[in-house]
Amino acid sequence: MPTSRFSPELFEEVKILGLFNLTTTQEGIKVHSNAAPEAIAAARRLHDKGLITQDDGGYLTSLGHEAAQHAQDLLTILVTEKQLAS
């Protein structure tokens, strides 16, 4: 079986992207200093990749909005498929 390309770090980044409200560009997020270290690191990586405006959250960039939309769509599909299979 091939090695998964989905590392724990990528899952953490997807979790952060899933926190954003995509219906408005006026609402950001804040990853507080007392958050889980994995969440803090994920936010920093997303900032380094140009997906969010601050290394502790902020707002989505244009690319970040597109990535968050895809991430949230995938989560919706997977949850829906799981529920349909039950």
Protein backbone atom coordinates (compact mmCIF):
# COMPACT_ATOMS: atom_id res chain seq x y z
CA MET A 1 0.00 0.00 0.00
CA PRO A 2 1.46 3.40 -0.93
CA THR A 3 2.42 5.84 1.76
CA SER A 4 -0.27 8.41 2.50
CA ARG A 5 0.46 11.97 1.40
CA PHE A 6 -1.75 13.18 4.23
CA SER A 7 0.52 13.86 7.16
CA PRO A 8 -0.72 14.86 10.61
CA GLU A 9 0.57 18.36 9.82
CA LEU A 10 -1.62 18.59 6.71
CA PHE A 11 -4.65 17.45 8.68
CA GLU A 12 -3.98 20.21 11.22
CA GLU A 13 -3.84 22.76 8.40
CA VAL A 14 -7.14 21.50 6.99
CA LYS A 15 -8.67 21.77 10.47
CA ILE A 16 -7.59 25.43 10.66
CA LEU A 17 -8.99 26.13 7.18
CA GLY A 18 -12.25 24.53 8.30
CA LEU A 19 -12.66 27.15 11.03
CA PHE A 20 -13.11 30.04 8.61
CA ASN A 21 -16.56 31.40 7.79
CA LEU A 22 -16.55 31.51 3.99
CA THR A 23 -19.74 33.55 3.71
CA THR A 24 -17.88 36.75 4.60
CA THR A 25 -14.41 38.20 4.14
CA GLN A 26 -14.89 40.36 7.24
CA GLU A 27 -14.49 37.51 9.72
CA GLY A 28 -11.13 36.01 10.59
CA ILE A 29 -9.85 33.67 13.26
CA LYS A 30 -7.33 33.93 16.09
CA VAL A 31 -5.16 31.02 17.19
CA HIS A 32 -4.32 31.98 20.75
CA SER A 33 -0.93 31.37 22.33
CA ASN A 34 -2.50 28.81 24.68
CA ALA A 35 -3.95 26.76 21.79
CA ALA A 36 -2.62 23.30 21.06
CA PRO A 37 0.94 23.47 19.73
CA GLU A 38 -0.21 21.63 16.60
CA ALA A 39 -2.77 24.35 15.84
CA ILE A 40 -0.24 27.12 16.40
CA ALA A 41 2.24 25.41 14.08
CA ALA A 42 -0.46 24.79 11.45
CA ALA A 43 -1.45 28.47 11.44
CA ARG A 44 2.19 29.47 10.98
CA ARG A 45 2.57 27.07 8.05
CA LEU A 46 -0.62 28.40 6.43
CA HIS A 47 0.74 31.93 6.81
CA ASP A 48 4.09 30.86 5.32
CA LYS A 49 2.19 29.37 2.37
CA GLY A 50 0.33 32.64 1.83
CA LEU A 51 -3.10 31.29 2.76
CA ILE A 52 -3.76 33.46 5.82
CA THR A 53 -2.74 37.02 6.62
CA GLN A 54 -1.22 36.51 10.08
CA ASP A 55 0.86 33.72 11.58
CA ASP A 56 -1.75 33.38 14.34
CA GLY A 57 -4.79 33.42 12.07
CA GLY A 58 -6.14 36.66 10.70
CA TYR A 59 -8.03 36.54 7.45
CA LEU A 60 -7.91 34.30 4.42
CA THR A 61 -5.99 35.53 1.41
CA SER A 62 -7.55 34.99 -2.03
CA LEU A 63 -5.63 31.74 -2.37
CA GLY A 64 -6.54 30.84 1.20
CA HIS A 65 -10.23 31.38 0.51
CA GLU A 66 -10.03 29.03 -2.45
CA ALA A 67 -8.13 26.43 -0.41
CA ALA A 68 -10.58 26.72 2.50
CA GLN A 69 -13.51 26.33 0.12
CA HIS A 70 -12.03 23.12 -1.30
CA ALA A 71 -11.20 21.83 2.19
CA GLN A 72 -14.68 22.54 3.51
CA ASP A 73 -16.28 21.04 0.40
CA LEU A 74 -14.25 17.86 0.86
CA LEU A 75 -15.25 17.62 4.50
CA THR A 76 -18.90 18.07 3.54
CA ILE A 77 -18.65 15.30 0.93
CA LEU A 78 -16.90 12.91 3.30
CA VAL A 79 -19.35 13.52 6.13
CA THR A 80 -22.31 13.17 3.77
CA GLU A 81 -20.93 9.96 2.25
CA LYS A 82 -20.36 8.52 5.72
CA GLN A 83 -23.92 9.36 6.75
CA LEU A 84 -25.36 7.88 3.56
CA ALA A 85 -23.43 4.64 4.11
CA SER A 86 -24.88 4.22 7.62
